[in-house]
Protein backbone atom coordinates (compact mmCIF):
# COMPACT_ATOMS: atom_id res chain seq x y z
CA MET A 1 110.29 122.78 109.84
CA ALA A 2 108.98 121.17 113.36
CA THR A 3 109.39 117.50 114.98
CA ILE A 4 106.01 116.01 115.24
CA ASP A 5 105.42 114.02 118.25
CA VAL A 6 103.89 110.31 117.43
CA ASN A 7 100.89 109.33 118.71
CA THR A 8 99.88 105.40 119.67
CA LEU A 9 96.57 104.56 118.58
CA PRO A 10 94.46 101.51 119.76
CA SER A 11 95.13 98.33 117.44
CA GLY A 12 92.36 95.91 119.53
CA ASN A 13 94.98 93.19 119.05
CA ASP A 14 98.10 92.71 121.25
CA ARG A 15 100.26 91.26 118.69
CA CYS A 16 100.29 94.50 116.57
CA ALA A 17 100.67 98.34 116.97
CA VAL A 18 99.72 101.47 115.46
CA ALA A 19 102.03 104.51 115.55
CA SER A 20 100.23 108.06 113.92
CA TRP A 21 101.83 111.52 113.22
CA ALA A 22 99.14 114.09 112.60
CA SER A 23 99.27 117.48 111.13
CA MET A 24 102.63 116.99 108.95
CA ALA A 25 103.57 119.86 107.36
CA GLN A 26 106.34 121.21 105.02
CA ASN A 27 109.54 119.79 105.91
CA ASP A 28 108.22 118.10 109.30
CA VAL A 29 110.11 115.29 110.77
CA GLY A 30 108.28 112.58 112.73
CA VAL A 31 109.63 111.51 116.21
CA ALA A 32 111.35 108.04 115.49
CA ILE A 33 109.81 104.87 116.96
CA GLY A 34 111.18 101.63 118.15
CA ASN A 35 110.23 98.67 115.33
CA SER A 36 112.77 96.12 115.16
CA GLN A 37 110.18 93.63 117.38
CA TYR A 38 107.90 93.69 114.24
CA ALA A 39 107.99 91.62 111.40
CA ASP A 40 106.06 93.28 109.00
CA ARG A 41 105.55 97.19 108.74
CA SER A 42 103.05 99.15 106.44
CA PHE A 43 102.77 103.19 106.31
CA GLN A 44 99.94 105.05 105.00
CA VAL A 45 99.73 108.64 104.38
CA ALA A 46 96.65 110.77 103.66
CA GLY A 47 96.10 114.48 103.23
CA THR A 48 96.98 117.19 101.45
CA PHE A 49 100.46 117.19 100.09
CA GLY A 50 100.98 120.69 98.23
CA GLY A 51 103.71 119.44 96.26
CA ALA A 52 105.11 117.63 99.24
CA SER A 53 106.80 114.13 99.40
CA VAL A 54 106.90 111.69 102.20
CA ALA A 55 109.85 109.72 102.57
CA VAL A 56 109.89 106.38 105.32
CA GLU A 57 113.21 106.75 106.84
CA GLY A 58 115.30 104.11 109.01
CA THR A 59 118.37 103.70 111.30
CA ASN A 60 120.34 101.04 113.03
CA ASP A 61 122.65 103.28 114.65
CA GLY A 62 120.51 106.20 115.63
CA THR A 63 122.44 108.74 113.93
CA ASN A 64 122.49 107.88 110.12
CA TRP A 65 118.92 107.97 108.16
CA ALA A 66 118.21 106.10 105.24
CA THR A 67 114.88 106.19 102.94
CA LEU A 68 113.69 102.46 103.03
CA THR A 69 111.90 100.78 100.07
CA ASP A 70 108.84 98.70 99.04
CA LEU A 71 108.67 95.25 98.18
CA GLN A 72 109.61 96.20 94.57
CA GLY A 73 112.74 98.01 95.82
CA ASN A 74 111.79 101.25 95.02
CA PRO A 75 112.24 104.34 97.48
CA LEU A 76 109.42 104.74 100.04
CA LEU A 77 108.42 108.39 98.63
CA PHE A 78 104.45 108.86 98.47
CA THR A 79 103.55 111.69 96.52
CA THR A 80 99.87 110.81 96.77
CA ALA A 81 97.86 108.93 99.30
CA LYS A 82 98.21 104.85 99.67
CA ILE A 83 99.42 102.34 101.72
CA GLU A 84 103.00 100.74 101.38
CA LEU A 85 104.77 97.51 102.87
CA VAL A 86 108.15 98.55 104.26
CA THR A 87 110.92 95.88 103.13
CA GLU A 88 113.70 96.57 105.63
CA ALA A 89 113.68 95.98 109.53
CA THR A 90 115.53 98.46 111.11
CA LEU A 91 115.89 99.38 114.91
CA ARG A 92 114.29 102.69 114.44
CA ILE A 93 111.97 104.13 111.78
CA ARG A 94 110.18 107.82 111.08
CA PRO A 95 108.70 109.41 108.24
CA LYS A 96 109.71 112.93 107.01
CA VAL A 97 107.85 115.59 104.53
CA THR A 98 110.26 116.78 102.00
CA GLY A 99 108.90 120.19 100.22
CA GLY A 100 105.32 121.23 100.10
CA ASP A 101 103.52 124.52 100.50
CA GLY A 102 101.25 126.47 103.30
CA THR A 103 98.40 123.80 102.25
CA THR A 104 100.80 120.70 103.45
CA ASN A 105 98.88 118.90 105.87
CA LEU A 106 99.35 115.11 106.08
CA THR A 107 98.64 112.39 108.57
CA VAL A 108 100.95 109.36 108.56
CA THR A 109 100.03 106.29 110.28
CA ALA A 110 102.25 103.08 110.73
CA LEU A 111 100.77 99.73 111.35
CA LEU A 112 103.80 97.60 113.18
CA LYS A 113 102.71 93.87 113.62
CA GLU A 114 104.78 90.77 114.72
């Protein structure tokens, strides 16, 4: 398990931000980012899952993390490549990989829009 640094990517728009966590492997956790100023947040996961799942977690107190939900109220757990919108607004947000194997190699990208 490792803590994966976040990279900020150019968005071409000053009203949004793009954050990316690359090469996430078995049981890795992404460095949390602030997102309370953004009204819309979506996450994309791509790469080789190797049996892993990726949860999008949020916290308002910086200590206690909870899995966030999609627009249908389902937990944001990725087991295949896709993009999902996040329902809850939280102070901090991060991706967390659970399980996987030696082939797990995922990139998680977030779009945060005012």
